[in-house]
Amino acid sequence: MAAHELTLAGVPVLMYHGLGASPPADLGPRECTYWVSAEAFGRQLALVRRGGHRVIRLYDSWAGEADERRAPSPVVLTFDDGRASDYELAFPMLVAAQVPGAFFINTATIGQPGYLTWAQVVEMDRAGMSFQSHAHDHVVLPALSWSALRVQLETSKRHIEDRVGRGVDFLAAPYGLLDRRLVNAAREVGYRAVCGSLGWPARRRRAVVNRVAVYRETTDARFAAILDRRPAAYLPGLARAALRYLPKRLLLRVRPWALGAQLSTEKA
């Protein structure tokens, strides 16, 4: 990238949802778009290395302990949902590349078929990975009552901290849906910030951490441009998120099943 080329301020915090040749059978069409092949992920790790970027911890990025203006520029890798592929594929590839990852887990699914076990979580933590909250259940948090919301945030945080023996600083909102009420609740419970999916570089010490989704269709060229913080790589995703926001909120009210969203902790 030429030195004079315009770049965005902030740190790219990349968001993955699972790795594998084919998505799990329980995923709907929308969720399948986030399922990245292990081969593609391997190429992306190589692009990070060849581009001269350094993978840093989410906390270090948020706290401002890594200056994105200095070379090599930083990037953060995060993984949502706590799927088994986090341990089977992502974990060994991250260890081989000697880079950290932050994993957001729903504590209600730990130990269920297709998901991480607590033994795996502890092993990954001891190897330098970080575990953060994706709430206790994978539900639309803004739709919950205040008391139910607090239970979701407190239960997940407590379970993770009890199991790994480390503090949980971040919450990733399921479905990327958050509002001021959720952010305030998270801060009251003890989280430092809530991670969303705006598709823009994250700024330090903000109450909401922007993340950039990596899709199955993300090309190597676009991935490299995201790492370099080139505006053209971010604008399409930002526009897509803006155009989908209001229709998505409406669907959640009238046809949540169309989004594959779970509105309550009661299982069907």
Protein backbone atom coordinates (compact mmCIF):
# COMPACT_ATOMS: atom_id res chain seq x y z
CA MET A 1 0.00 0.00 0.00
CA ALA A 2 1.40 3.39 -0.97
CA ALA A 3 2.35 5.64 1.91
CA HIS A 4 0.14 8.50 0.67
CA GLU A 5 -2.99 6.37 0.30
CA LEU A 6 -5.91 7.33 2.52
CA THR A 7 -6.55 4.92 5.38
CA LEU A 8 -9.20 4.83 8.07
CA ALA A 9 -8.42 5.41 11.73
CA GLY A 10 -8.90 2.54 14.14
CA VAL A 11 -8.12 -1.18 14.28
CA PRO A 12 -9.82 -3.85 12.12
CA VAL A 13 -11.54 -6.27 14.50
CA LEU A 14 -12.46 -9.22 12.30
CA MET A 15 -15.47 -11.40 13.10
CA TYR A 16 -15.72 -15.09 12.16
CA HIS A 17 -18.56 -17.48 12.94
CA GLY A 18 -17.09 -20.86 12.08
CA LEU A 19 -14.69 -22.70 9.82
CA GLY A 20 -15.23 -25.73 7.66
CA ALA A 21 -15.75 -27.10 4.17
CA SER A 22 -19.51 -27.10 4.70
CA PRO A 23 -21.70 -25.38 7.33
CA PRO A 24 -23.49 -27.43 10.03
CA ALA A 25 -26.91 -28.75 9.07
CA ASP A 26 -28.67 -26.58 11.65
CA LEU A 27 -27.58 -23.31 10.03
CA GLY A 28 -29.97 -21.36 7.82
CA PRO A 29 -29.01 -19.71 4.51
CA ARG A 30 -28.15 -16.40 6.17
CA GLU A 31 -25.86 -17.98 8.74
CA CYS A 32 -24.13 -20.09 6.08
CA THR A 33 -22.75 -16.92 4.47
CA TYR A 34 -20.50 -16.50 7.52
CA TRP A 35 -19.04 -20.02 7.35
CA VAL A 36 -15.46 -19.69 6.04
CA SER A 37 -13.46 -22.64 4.71
CA ALA A 38 -10.30 -23.62 6.56
CA GLU A 39 -8.37 -23.08 3.33
CA ALA A 40 -9.62 -19.50 3.06
CA PHE A 41 -8.81 -18.85 6.70
CA GLY A 42 -5.29 -20.17 6.14
CA ARG A 43 -4.84 -17.78 3.22
CA GLN A 44 -6.12 -14.93 5.36
CA LEU A 45 -3.61 -15.67 8.11
CA ALA A 46 -0.91 -15.68 5.45
CA LEU A 47 -2.15 -12.30 4.17
CA VAL A 48 -1.88 -10.91 7.69
CA ARG A 49 1.73 -12.06 7.87
CA ARG A 50 2.70 -10.99 4.36
CA GLY A 51 1.05 -7.61 4.80
CA GLY A 52 3.23 -6.90 7.81
CA HIS A 53 0.32 -6.74 10.25
CA ARG A 54 0.41 -7.98 13.83
CA VAL A 55 -2.46 -9.80 15.49
CA ILE A 56 -3.12 -8.37 18.94
CA ARG A 57 -5.50 -9.14 21.80
CA LEU A 58 -8.93 -7.55 21.78
CA TYR A 59 -8.29 -5.95 25.17
CA ASP A 60 -5.04 -4.37 23.96
CA SER A 61 -6.84 -2.91 20.97
CA TRP A 62 -9.67 -1.52 23.09
CA ALA A 63 -7.35 -0.14 25.78
CA GLY A 64 -5.27 1.68 23.19
CA GLU A 65 -2.08 -0.21 23.96
CA ALA A 66 -1.52 -0.70 20.22
CA ASP A 67 -1.17 2.38 18.02
CA GLU A 68 -2.61 1.71 14.56
CA ARG A 69 -0.57 4.58 13.13
CA ARG A 70 2.69 2.73 13.75
CA ALA A 71 3.98 -0.13 11.65
CA PRO A 72 3.26 -2.98 11.72
CA SER A 73 -0.41 -2.08 11.93
CA PRO A 74 -2.59 -4.23 14.24
CA VAL A 75 -5.59 -6.47 13.63
CA VAL A 76 -7.83 -8.46 16.00
CA LEU A 77 -9.37 -11.88 15.28
CA THR A 78 -12.68 -12.78 16.96
CA PHE A 79 -14.96 -15.82 16.68
CA ASP A 80 -18.63 -16.00 17.66
CA ASP A 81 -20.95 -18.79 18.80
CA GLY A 82 -18.48 -21.29 20.31
CA ARG A 83 -18.84 -23.91 17.59
CA ALA A 84 -16.73 -27.08 17.67
CA SER A 85 -14.78 -25.83 14.65
CA ASP A 86 -13.23 -23.19 16.92
CA TYR A 87 -11.30 -25.98 18.62
CA GLU A 88 -10.95 -28.40 15.72
CA LEU A 89 -9.81 -25.92 13.04
CA ALA A 90 -9.34 -22.34 14.21
CA PHE A 91 -7.38 -23.13 17.38
CA PRO A 92 -4.58 -25.24 15.84
CA MET A 93 -4.22 -22.77 12.96
CA LEU A 94 -3.92 -19.84 15.35
CA VAL A 95 -1.38 -21.71 17.47
CA ALA A 96 0.65 -22.60 14.37
CA ALA A 97 0.62 -18.95 13.31
CA GLN A 98 1.48 -17.90 16.90
CA VAL A 99 -1.37 -15.39 17.08
CA PRO A 100 -4.19 -14.90 19.62
CA GLY A 101 -7.93 -15.06 19.03
CA ALA A 102 -10.94 -13.92 21.08
CA PHE A 103 -13.83 -16.39 21.26
CA PHE A 104 -17.34 -15.26 22.20
CA ILE A 105 -19.35 -18.15 23.60
CA ASN A 106 -22.92 -18.81 24.69
CA THR A 107 -22.46 -20.61 27.98
CA ALA A 108 -25.79 -22.46 27.61
CA THR A 109 -24.49 -24.39 24.58
CA ILE A 110 -21.12 -25.43 26.01
CA GLY A 111 -20.91 -29.22 25.94
CA GLN A 112 -23.77 -29.65 23.48
CA PRO A 113 -23.15 -31.54 20.20
CA GLY A 114 -21.39 -29.31 17.69
CA TYR A 115 -20.15 -26.86 20.31
CA LEU A 116 -17.09 -26.40 22.51
CA THR A 117 -16.71 -28.23 25.79
CA TRP A 118 -15.43 -26.60 28.96
CA ALA A 119 -12.30 -28.76 28.79
CA GLN A 120 -11.57 -27.36 25.33
CA VAL A 121 -12.25 -23.81 26.51
CA VAL A 122 -9.74 -24.21 29.34
CA GLU A 123 -7.14 -25.76 27.03
CA MET A 124 -7.50 -22.92 24.53
CA ASP A 125 -7.34 -20.32 27.28
CA ARG A 126 -4.11 -21.83 28.62
CA ALA A 127 -2.65 -21.64 25.11
CA GLY A 128 -3.24 -17.89 24.92
CA MET A 129 -6.74 -17.60 23.53
CA SER A 130 -9.34 -15.33 25.14
CA PHE A 131 -12.93 -16.18 26.04
CA GLN A 132 -15.63 -13.55 26.22
CA SER A 133 -19.41 -13.51 26.47
CA HIS A 134 -21.99 -13.98 23.72
CA ALA A 135 -24.68 -14.02 26.46
CA HIS A 136 -25.86 -17.20 28.17
CA ASP A 137 -28.33 -18.06 25.39
CA HIS A 138 -28.14 -16.98 21.75
CA VAL A 139 -31.12 -14.63 21.94
CA VAL A 140 -32.04 -11.12 20.82
CA LEU A 141 -30.94 -9.26 23.94
CA PRO A 142 -32.73 -5.92 23.30
CA ALA A 143 -36.05 -7.83 23.22
CA LEU A 144 -35.66 -9.08 26.80
CA SER A 145 -37.02 -7.51 29.95
CA TRP A 146 -34.48 -5.73 32.13
CA SER A 147 -34.35 -8.57 34.64
CA ALA A 148 -34.01 -11.26 31.94
CA LEU A 149 -31.30 -9.22 30.25
CA ARG A 150 -29.31 -8.96 33.46
CA VAL A 151 -29.58 -12.72 33.98
CA GLN A 152 -28.20 -13.36 30.48
CA LEU A 153 -25.23 -11.05 30.98
CA GLU A 154 -24.42 -12.02 34.55
CA THR A 155 -24.78 -15.78 34.07
CA SER A 156 -22.48 -15.93 31.06
CA LYS A 157 -19.83 -13.71 32.64
CA ARG A 158 -19.85 -15.69 35.89
CA HIS A 159 -19.67 -19.11 34.21
CA ILE A 160 -16.71 -18.16 32.03
CA GLU A 161 -14.81 -16.47 34.85
CA ASP A 162 -15.39 -19.43 37.16
CA ARG A 163 -14.17 -21.93 34.57
CA VAL A 164 -11.10 -20.13 33.19
CA GLY A 165 -10.16 -18.03 36.18
CA ARG A 166 -9.91 -14.78 34.24
CA GLY A 167 -12.07 -11.68 33.94
CA VAL A 168 -14.55 -11.33 31.08
CA ASP A 169 -14.38 -7.81 29.65
CA PHE A 170 -16.45 -7.93 26.46
CA LEU A 171 -19.91 -8.94 25.34
CA ALA A 172 -20.75 -9.67 21.69
CA ALA A 173 -24.43 -9.04 21.00
CA PRO A 174 -26.08 -12.04 19.27
CA TYR A 175 -27.23 -11.20 15.71
CA GLY A 176 -25.30 -7.92 16.06
CA LEU A 177 -28.40 -6.34 17.62
CA LEU A 178 -27.72 -3.85 20.38
CA ASP A 179 -29.07 -0.60 21.74
CA ARG A 180 -28.20 1.92 24.43
CA ARG A 181 -30.16 -0.03 27.05
CA LEU A 182 -28.09 -3.16 26.38
CA VAL A 183 -24.83 -1.22 26.48
CA ASN A 184 -25.80 0.37 29.80
CA ALA A 185 -26.77 -3.01 31.26
CA ALA A 186 -23.48 -4.53 30.16
CA ARG A 187 -21.47 -1.74 31.73
CA GLU A 188 -23.42 -2.09 34.98
CA VAL A 189 -22.73 -5.83 35.09
CA GLY A 190 -19.00 -5.22 34.64
CA TYR A 191 -18.25 -5.49 30.92
CA ARG A 192 -15.97 -2.86 29.48
CA ALA A 193 -17.66 -2.75 26.07
CA VAL A 194 -20.18 -4.42 23.77
CA CYS A 195 -19.05 -5.73 20.39
CA GLY A 196 -21.30 -5.14 17.40
CA SER A 197 -21.06 -5.64 13.65
CA LEU A 198 -21.07 -2.17 12.11
CA GLY A 199 -18.30 -3.10 9.67
CA TRP A 200 -15.90 -0.27 10.49
CA PRO A 201 -12.52 -0.12 12.28
CA ALA A 202 -12.79 -0.03 16.07
CA ARG A 203 -11.68 2.97 18.11
CA ARG A 204 -10.12 2.63 21.51
CA ARG A 205 -12.07 2.79 24.76
CA ARG A 206 -15.46 3.11 23.08
CA ALA A 207 -18.54 1.60 24.69
CA VAL A 208 -19.25 -0.22 21.42
CA VAL A 209 -16.51 -2.09 19.56
CA ASN A 210 -17.04 -2.14 15.80
CA ARG A 211 -16.27 -5.43 14.08
CA VAL A 212 -15.97 -6.42 10.43
CA ALA A 213 -17.61 -9.67 9.36
CA VAL A 214 -15.58 -12.06 7.23
CA TYR A 215 -17.91 -13.87 4.82
CA ARG A 216 -17.57 -17.05 2.84
CA GLU A 217 -17.51 -14.83 -0.25
CA THR A 218 -14.81 -12.45 1.04
CA THR A 219 -12.03 -12.44 -1.55
CA ASP A 220 -8.35 -12.34 -0.72
CA ALA A 221 -8.11 -8.91 -2.35
CA ARG A 222 -10.90 -7.46 -0.22
CA PHE A 223 -9.48 -9.10 2.90
CA ALA A 224 -6.09 -7.49 2.26
CA ALA A 225 -7.77 -4.12 1.70
CA ILE A 226 -9.64 -4.48 5.02
CA LEU A 227 -6.34 -5.13 6.78
CA ASP A 228 -4.91 -2.00 5.15
CA ARG A 229 -7.97 -0.01 6.29
CA ARG A 230 -8.75 1.20 2.80
CA PRO A 231 -12.13 2.99 2.76
CA ALA A 232 -13.31 1.24 -0.41
CA ALA A 233 -13.10 -2.12 1.37
CA TYR A 234 -15.41 -0.95 4.18
CA LEU A 235 -18.00 1.21 2.44
CA PRO A 236 -20.00 -1.62 0.76
CA GLY A 237 -20.38 -3.51 4.04
CA LEU A 238 -21.30 -0.34 5.91
CA ALA A 239 -23.92 0.55 3.29
CA ARG A 240 -25.34 -2.98 3.42
CA ALA A 241 -25.60 -2.84 7.20
CA ALA A 242 -27.33 0.55 7.07
CA LEU A 243 -29.83 -0.58 4.45
CA ARG A 244 -30.65 -3.76 6.37
CA TYR A 245 -30.93 -2.24 9.82
CA LEU A 246 -34.53 -1.02 9.82
CA PRO A 247 -35.92 -3.99 7.81
CA LYS A 248 -34.08 -6.31 10.18
CA ARG A 249 -35.62 -4.67 13.24
CA LEU A 250 -39.06 -4.88 11.63
CA LEU A 251 -38.64 -8.57 10.80
CA LEU A 252 -37.61 -9.24 14.38
CA ARG A 253 -40.98 -7.89 15.49
CA VAL A 254 -43.22 -9.61 12.95
CA ARG A 255 -41.31 -12.56 11.45
CA PRO A 256 -38.23 -13.36 13.58
CA TRP A 257 -38.00 -16.87 12.13
CA ALA A 258 -37.11 -15.29 8.76
CA LEU A 259 -33.84 -14.16 10.34
CA GLY A 260 -33.28 -17.36 12.28
CA ALA A 261 -33.44 -15.27 15.43
CA GLN A 262 -34.38 -16.59 18.86
CA LEU A 263 -36.33 -14.02 20.86
CA SER A 264 -36.53 -15.77 24.21
CA THR A 265 -34.71 -18.38 26.24
CA GLU A 266 -37.59 -20.86 25.82
CA LYS A 267 -36.67 -23.57 23.33
CA ALA A 268 -39.19 -24.48 20.64
